[in-house]
Amino acid sequence: MELRVDCRLSPAGERTPQVVWFGSRPVAVQAVVDRWYGREHQWWKVDTAEGAYILREDAEGAWDLAAVPHA
């Protein structure tokens, strides 16, 4: 399944996930819970109405669903 993430720019110029697209199904991000950086990737833990997801973006801008954490 294709994963796409729409982002907005914060006032500081950082991109923040707003909508996660699972194929043609959009899921709105309610909050960014955490964000961390690696050498070749960035990760975001986001809350949605469906639960939490951990998203990973590589240096080329490709997104992956890295994990679905359990409560």
PDB file of N, CA and C in Angstrom:
ATOM      1  N   MET A   1       0.840  -1.178   0.000  1.00  0.00           N
ATOM      2  CA  MET A   1       0.000   0.000   0.000  1.00  0.00           C
ATOM      3  C   MET A   1       0.882   1.237   0.000  1.00  0.00           C
ATOM      4  N   GLU A   2       0.496   2.168  -0.825  1.00  0.00           N
ATOM      5  CA  GLU A   2       1.234   3.427  -0.903  1.00  0.00           C
ATOM      6  C   GLU A   2       0.943   4.292   0.318  1.00  0.00           C
ATOM      7  N   LEU A   3       2.001   4.891   0.852  1.00  0.00           N
ATOM      8  CA  LEU A   3       1.864   5.805   1.985  1.00  0.00           C
ATOM      9  C   LEU A   3       2.359   7.172   1.547  1.00  0.00           C
ATOM     10  N   ARG A   4       1.525   8.162   1.768  1.00  0.00           N
ATOM     11  CA  ARG A   4       1.883   9.545   1.461  1.00  0.00           C
ATOM     12  C   ARG A   4       1.549  10.386   2.686  1.00  0.00           C
ATOM     13  N   VAL A   5       2.320  11.432   2.920  1.00  0.00           N
ATOM     14  CA  VAL A   5       2.086  12.305   4.068  1.00  0.00           C
ATOM     15  C   VAL A   5       2.066  13.749   3.585  1.00  0.00           C
ATOM     16  N   ASP A   6       0.982  14.438   3.897  1.00  0.00           N
ATOM     17  CA  ASP A   6       0.898  15.872   3.621  1.00  0.00           C
ATOM     18  C   ASP A   6       1.386  16.606   4.866  1.00  0.00           C
ATOM     19  N   CYS A   7       2.234  17.603   4.651  1.00  0.00           N
ATOM     20  CA  CYS A   7       2.817  18.354   5.770  1.00  0.00           C
ATOM     21  C   CYS A   7       2.481  19.832   5.647  1.00  0.00           C
ATOM     22  N   ARG A   8       2.618  20.526   6.758  1.00  0.00           N
ATOM     23  CA  ARG A   8       2.546  21.988   6.776  1.00  0.00           C
ATOM     24  C   ARG A   8       3.862  22.487   7.349  1.00  0.00           C
ATOM     25  N   LEU A   9       4.159  23.729   7.103  1.00  0.00           N
ATOM     26  CA  LEU A   9       5.361  24.341   7.663  1.00  0.00           C
ATOM     27  C   LEU A   9       5.013  25.053   8.956  1.00  0.00           C
ATOM     28  N   SER A  10       5.817  24.812   9.979  1.00  0.00           N
ATOM     29  CA  SER A  10       5.645  25.529  11.243  1.00  0.00           C
ATOM     30  C   SER A  10       6.189  26.948  11.069  1.00  0.00           C
ATOM     31  N   PRO A  11       5.913  27.835  12.009  1.00  0.00           N
ATOM     32  CA  PRO A  11       6.480  29.192  11.926  1.00  0.00           C
ATOM     33  C   PRO A  11       8.011  29.181  11.869  1.00  0.00           C
ATOM     34  N   ALA A  12       8.627  28.131  12.440  1.00  0.00           N
ATOM     35  CA  ALA A  12      10.090  28.019  12.421  1.00  0.00           C
ATOM     36  C   ALA A  12      10.604  27.402  11.124  1.00  0.00           C
ATOM     37  N   GLY A  13       9.675  27.020  10.216  1.00  0.00           N
ATOM     38  CA  GLY A  13      10.081  26.460   8.932  1.00  0.00           C
ATOM     39  C   GLY A  13      10.240  24.956   8.927  1.00  0.00           C
ATOM     40  N   GLU A  14       9.852  24.284  10.007  1.00  0.00           N
ATOM     41  CA  GLU A  14       9.941  22.822  10.055  1.00  0.00           C
ATOM     42  C   GLU A  14       8.663  22.207   9.502  1.00  0.00           C
ATOM     43  N   ARG A  15       8.808  21.127   8.765  1.00  0.00           N
ATOM     44  CA  ARG A  15       7.650  20.414   8.225  1.00  0.00           C
ATOM     45  C   ARG A  15       7.017  19.566   9.320  1.00  0.00           C
ATOM     46  N   THR A  16       5.682  19.569   9.366  1.00  0.00           N
ATOM     47  CA  THR A  16       4.937  18.818  10.365  1.00  0.00           C
ATOM     48  C   THR A  16       3.847  18.022   9.665  1.00  0.00           C
ATOM     49  N   PRO A  17       3.789  16.697   9.882  1.00  0.00           N
ATOM     50  CA  PRO A  17       2.731  15.893   9.250  1.00  0.00           C
ATOM     51  C   PRO A  17       1.342  16.366   9.654  1.00  0.00           C
ATOM     52  N   GLN A  18       0.442  16.457   8.670  1.00  0.00           N
ATOM     53  CA  GLN A  18      -0.938  16.869   8.901  1.00  0.00           C
ATOM     54  C   GLN A  18      -1.931  15.768   8.528  1.00  0.00           C
ATOM     55  N   VAL A  19      -1.653  15.074   7.412  1.00  0.00           N
ATOM     56  CA  VAL A  19      -2.532  14.014   6.926  1.00  0.00           C
ATOM     57  C   VAL A  19      -1.670  12.861   6.438  1.00  0.00           C
ATOM     58  N   VAL A  20      -2.023  11.649   6.878  1.00  0.00           N
ATOM     59  CA  VAL A  20      -1.363  10.435   6.399  1.00  0.00           C
ATOM     60  C   VAL A  20      -2.328   9.766   5.432  1.00  0.00           C
ATOM     61  N   TRP A  21      -1.863   9.461   4.238  1.00  0.00           N
ATOM     62  CA  TRP A  21      -2.681   8.803   3.225  1.00  0.00           C
ATOM     63  C   TRP A  21      -2.268   7.338   3.131  1.00  0.00           C
ATOM     64  N   PHE A  22      -3.190   6.455   3.466  1.00  0.00           N
ATOM     65  CA  PHE A  22      -2.999   5.018   3.284  1.00  0.00           C
ATOM     66  C   PHE A  22      -3.711   4.656   1.983  1.00  0.00           C
ATOM     67  N   GLY A  23      -2.955   4.651   0.883  1.00  0.00           N
ATOM     68  CA  GLY A  23      -3.587   4.511  -0.425  1.00  0.00           C
ATOM     69  C   GLY A  23      -4.421   5.756  -0.686  1.00  0.00           C
ATOM     70  N   SER A  24      -5.731   5.583  -0.872  1.00  0.00           N
ATOM     71  CA  SER A  24      -6.611   6.729  -1.123  1.00  0.00           C
ATOM     72  C   SER A  24      -7.365   7.169   0.130  1.00  0.00           C
ATOM     73  N   ARG A  25      -7.040   6.584   1.281  1.00  0.00           N
ATOM     74  CA  ARG A  25      -7.751   6.893   2.527  1.00  0.00           C
ATOM     75  C   ARG A  25      -6.935   7.872   3.384  1.00  0.00           C
ATOM     76  N   PRO A  26      -7.469   9.099   3.604  1.00  0.00           N
ATOM     77  CA  PRO A  26      -6.753  10.074   4.434  1.00  0.00           C
ATOM     78  C   PRO A  26      -7.045   9.863   5.915  1.00  0.00           C
ATOM     79  N   VAL A  27      -6.016  10.049   6.738  1.00  0.00           N
ATOM     80  CA  VAL A  27      -6.155   9.996   8.195  1.00  0.00           C
ATOM     81  C   VAL A  27      -5.516  11.273   8.740  1.00  0.00           C
ATOM     82  N   ALA A  28      -6.328  12.113   9.383  1.00  0.00           N
ATOM     83  CA  ALA A  28      -5.840  13.388   9.906  1.00  0.00           C
ATOM     84  C   ALA A  28      -4.966  13.169  11.140  1.00  0.00           C
ATOM     85  N   VAL A  29      -3.866  13.891  11.193  1.00  0.00           N
ATOM     86  CA  VAL A  29      -2.989  13.877  12.364  1.00  0.00           C
ATOM     87  C   VAL A  29      -3.559  14.868  13.374  1.00  0.00           C
ATOM     88  N   GLN A  30      -3.848  14.382  14.580  1.00  0.00           N
ATOM     89  CA  GLN A  30      -4.372  15.248  15.634  1.00  0.00           C
ATOM     90  C   GLN A  30      -3.258  15.927  16.412  1.00  0.00           C
ATOM     91  N   ALA A  31      -2.127  15.234  16.567  1.00  0.00           N
ATOM     92  CA  ALA A  31      -0.996  15.801  17.308  1.00  0.00           C
ATOM     93  C   ALA A  31       0.283  15.064  16.958  1.00  0.00           C
ATOM     94  N   VAL A  32       1.386  15.792  16.965  1.00  0.00           N
ATOM     95  CA  VAL A  32       2.712  15.178  16.882  1.00  0.00           C
ATOM     96  C   VAL A  32       3.170  14.996  18.315  1.00  0.00           C
ATOM     97  N   VAL A  33       3.347  13.731  18.716  1.00  0.00           N
ATOM     98  CA  VAL A  33       3.695  13.408  20.095  1.00  0.00           C
ATOM     99  C   VAL A  33       5.199  13.487  20.320  1.00  0.00           C
ATOM    100  N   ASP A  34       5.960  13.078  19.301  1.00  0.00           N
ATOM    101  CA  ASP A  34       7.417  13.057  19.432  1.00  0.00           C
ATOM    102  C   ASP A  34       8.011  13.147  18.037  1.00  0.00           C
ATOM    103  N   ARG A  35       9.265  13.549  17.982  1.00  0.00           N
ATOM    104  CA  ARG A  35       9.994  13.648  16.714  1.00  0.00           C
ATOM    105  C   ARG A  35      11.459  13.430  17.016  1.00  0.00           C
ATOM    106  N   TRP A  36      12.122  12.629  16.189  1.00  0.00           N
ATOM    107  CA  TRP A  36      13.546  12.430  16.387  1.00  0.00           C
ATOM    108  C   TRP A  36      14.229  12.224  15.047  1.00  0.00           C
ATOM    109  N   TYR A  37      15.536  12.424  15.068  1.00  0.00           N
ATOM    110  CA  TYR A  37      16.336  12.451  13.848  1.00  0.00           C
ATOM    111  C   TYR A  37      17.406  11.375  13.886  1.00  0.00           C
ATOM    112  N   GLY A  38      17.658  10.797  12.738  1.00  0.00           N
ATOM    113  CA  GLY A  38      18.765   9.873  12.572  1.00  0.00           C
ATOM    114  C   GLY A  38      19.676  10.385  11.481  1.00  0.00           C
ATOM    115  N   ARG A  39      20.647   9.613  11.154  1.00  0.00           N
ATOM    116  CA  ARG A  39      21.609  10.022  10.131  1.00  0.00           C
ATOM    117  C   ARG A  39      20.955  10.121   8.754  1.00  0.00           C
ATOM    118  N   GLU A  40      20.064   9.169   8.436  1.00  0.00           N
ATOM    119  CA  GLU A  40      19.440   9.137   7.109  1.00  0.00           C
ATOM    120  C   GLU A  40      17.919   9.230   7.150  1.00  0.00           C
ATOM    121  N   HIS A  41      17.328   9.309   8.332  1.00  0.00           N
ATOM    122  CA  HIS A  41      15.873   9.330   8.456  1.00  0.00           C
ATOM    123  C   HIS A  41      15.430  10.313   9.535  1.00  0.00           C
ATOM    124  N   GLN A  42      14.153  10.701   9.440  1.00  0.00           N
ATOM    125  CA  GLN A  42      13.484  11.428  10.508  1.00  0.00           C
ATOM    126  C   GLN A  42      12.251  10.616  10.881  1.00  0.00           C
ATOM    127  N   TRP A  43      11.899  10.618  12.144  1.00  0.00           N
ATOM    128  CA  TRP A  43      10.735   9.885  12.615  1.00  0.00           C
ATOM    129  C   TRP A  43       9.793  10.826  13.329  1.00  0.00           C
ATOM    130  N   TRP A  44       8.498  10.550  13.221  1.00  0.00           N
ATOM    131  CA  TRP A  44       7.455  11.271  13.931  1.00  0.00           C
ATOM    132  C   TRP A  44       6.521  10.256  14.569  1.00  0.00           C
ATOM    133  N   LYS A  45       6.200  10.450  15.827  1.00  0.00           N
ATOM    134  CA  LYS A  45       5.125   9.687  16.458  1.00  0.00           C
ATOM    135  C   LYS A  45       3.924  10.613  16.456  1.00  0.00           C
ATOM    136  N   VAL A  46       2.853  10.183  15.775  1.00  0.00           N
ATOM    137  CA  VAL A  46       1.673  11.018  15.640  1.00  0.00           C
ATOM    138  C   VAL A  46       0.456  10.326  16.220  1.00  0.00           C
ATOM    139  N   ASP A  47      -0.465  11.109  16.747  1.00  0.00           N
ATOM    140  CA  ASP A  47      -1.760  10.611  17.205  1.00  0.00           C
ATOM    141  C   ASP A  47      -2.797  10.939  16.147  1.00  0.00           C
ATOM    142  N   THR A  48      -3.690   9.979  15.905  1.00  0.00           N
ATOM    143  CA  THR A  48      -4.816  10.171  14.999  1.00  0.00           C
ATOM    144  C   THR A  48      -6.060   9.625  15.687  1.00  0.00           C
ATOM    145  N   ALA A  49      -7.208   9.811  15.072  1.00  0.00           N
ATOM    146  CA  ALA A  49      -8.446   9.249  15.618  1.00  0.00           C
ATOM    147  C   ALA A  49      -8.394   7.717  15.626  1.00  0.00           C
ATOM    148  N   GLU A  50      -7.540   7.136  14.803  1.00  0.00           N
ATOM    149  CA  GLU A  50      -7.399   5.677  14.720  1.00  0.00           C
ATOM    150  C   GLU A  50      -6.365   5.130  15.700  1.00  0.00           C
ATOM    151  N   GLY A  51      -5.603   6.006  16.337  1.00  0.00           N
ATOM    152  CA  GLY A  51      -4.532   5.591  17.236  1.00  0.00           C
ATOM    153  C   GLY A  51      -3.219   6.224  16.831  1.00  0.00           C
ATOM    154  N   ALA A  52      -2.147   5.723  17.417  1.00  0.00           N
ATOM    155  CA  ALA A  52      -0.818   6.291  17.165  1.00  0.00           C
ATOM    156  C   ALA A  52      -0.121   5.555  16.016  1.00  0.00           C
ATOM    157  N   TYR A  53       0.694   6.296  15.297  1.00  0.00           N
ATOM    158  CA  TYR A  53       1.549   5.746  14.243  1.00  0.00           C
ATOM    159  C   TYR A  53       2.932   6.352  14.395  1.00  0.00           C
ATOM    160  N   ILE A  54       3.942   5.591  14.010  1.00  0.00           N
ATOM    161  CA  ILE A  54       5.295   6.131  13.900  1.00  0.00           C
ATOM    162  C   ILE A  54       5.635   6.151  12.422  1.00  0.00           C
ATOM    163  N   LEU A  55       5.906   7.343  11.919  1.00  0.00           N
ATOM    164  CA  LEU A  55       6.200   7.562  10.512  1.00  0.00           C
ATOM    165  C   LEU A  55       7.685   7.830  10.346  1.00  0.00           C
ATOM    166  N   ARG A  56       8.232   7.365   9.220  1.00  0.00           N
ATOM    167  CA  ARG A  56       9.656   7.583   8.937  1.00  0.00           C
ATOM    168  C   ARG A  56       9.786   8.176   7.544  1.00  0.00           C
ATOM    169  N   GLU A  57      10.603   9.222   7.439  1.00  0.00           N
ATOM    170  CA  GLU A  57      10.887   9.849   6.151  1.00  0.00           C
ATOM    171  C   GLU A  57      12.374   9.735   5.863  1.00  0.00           C
ATOM    172  N   ASP A  58      12.715   9.309   4.638  1.00  0.00           N
ATOM    173  CA  ASP A  58      14.131   9.215   4.289  1.00  0.00           C
ATOM    174  C   ASP A  58      14.613  10.522   3.667  1.00  0.00           C
ATOM    175  N   ALA A  59      15.888  10.566   3.346  1.00  0.00           N
ATOM    176  CA  ALA A  59      16.513  11.800   2.844  1.00  0.00           C
ATOM    177  C   ALA A  59      15.928  12.245   1.504  1.00  0.00           C
ATOM    178  N   GLU A  60      15.357  11.304   0.744  1.00  0.00           N
ATOM    179  CA  GLU A  60      14.758  11.644  -0.550  1.00  0.00           C
ATOM    180  C   GLU A  60      13.299  12.062  -0.426  1.00  0.00           C
ATOM    181  N   GLY A  61      12.744  12.024   0.790  1.00  0.00           N
ATOM    182  CA  GLY A  61      11.365  12.438   0.998  1.00  0.00           C
ATOM    183  C   GLY A  61      10.349  11.313   0.915  1.00  0.00           C
ATOM    184  N   ALA A  62      10.811  10.061   0.844  1.00  0.00           N
ATOM    185  CA  ALA A  62       9.890   8.920   0.821  1.00  0.00           C
ATOM    186  C   ALA A  62       9.471   8.564   2.247  1.00  0.00           C
ATOM    187  N   TRP A  63       8.188   8.263   2.432  1.00  0.00           N
ATOM    188  CA  TRP A  63       7.632   7.967   3.742  1.00  0.00           C
ATOM    189  C   TRP A  63       7.351   6.484   3.898  1.00  0.00           C
ATOM    190  N   ASP A  64       7.497   5.990   5.139  1.00  0.00           N
ATOM    191  CA  ASP A  64       7.165   4.615   5.509  1.00  0.00           C
ATOM    192  C   ASP A  64       6.400   4.637   6.826  1.00  0.00           C
ATOM    193  N   LEU A  65       5.569   3.633   7.008  1.00  0.00           N
ATOM    194  CA  LEU A  65       4.955   3.400   8.302  1.00  0.00           C
ATOM    195  C   LEU A  65       5.946   2.541   9.061  1.00  0.00           C
ATOM    196  N   ALA A  66       6.622   3.118  10.059  1.00  0.00           N
ATOM    197  CA  ALA A  66       7.678   2.417  10.782  1.00  0.00           C
ATOM    198  C   ALA A  66       7.112   1.510  11.862  1.00  0.00           C
ATOM    199  N   ALA A  67       6.007   1.926  12.504  1.00  0.00           N
ATOM    200  CA  ALA A  67       5.440   1.119  13.593  1.00  0.00           C
ATOM    201  C   ALA A  67       4.040   1.602  13.922  1.00  0.00           C
ATOM    202  N   VAL A  68       3.288   0.694  14.520  1.00  0.00           N
ATOM    203  CA  VAL A  68       1.976   1.007  15.082  1.00  0.00           C
ATOM    204  C   VAL A  68       2.062   0.629  16.554  1.00  0.00           C
ATOM    205  N   PRO A  69       2.412   1.602  17.416  1.00  0.00           N
ATOM    206  CA  PRO A  69       2.600   1.280  18.831  1.00  0.00           C
ATOM    207  C   PRO A  69       1.269   0.938  19.507  1.00  0.00           C
ATOM    208  N   HIS A  70       1.334   0.051  20.457  1.00  0.00           N
ATOM    209  CA  HIS A  70       0.164  -0.306  21.259  1.00  0.00           C
ATOM    210  C   HIS A  70       0.140   0.546  22.514  1.00  0.00           C
ATOM    211  N   ALA A  71      -1.054   0.828  22.991  1.00  0.00           N
ATOM    212  CA  ALA A  71      -1.216   1.661  24.195  1.00  0.00           C
ATOM    213  C   ALA A  71      -0.497   1.006  25.327  1.00  0.00           C
TER     214      ALA A  71
END
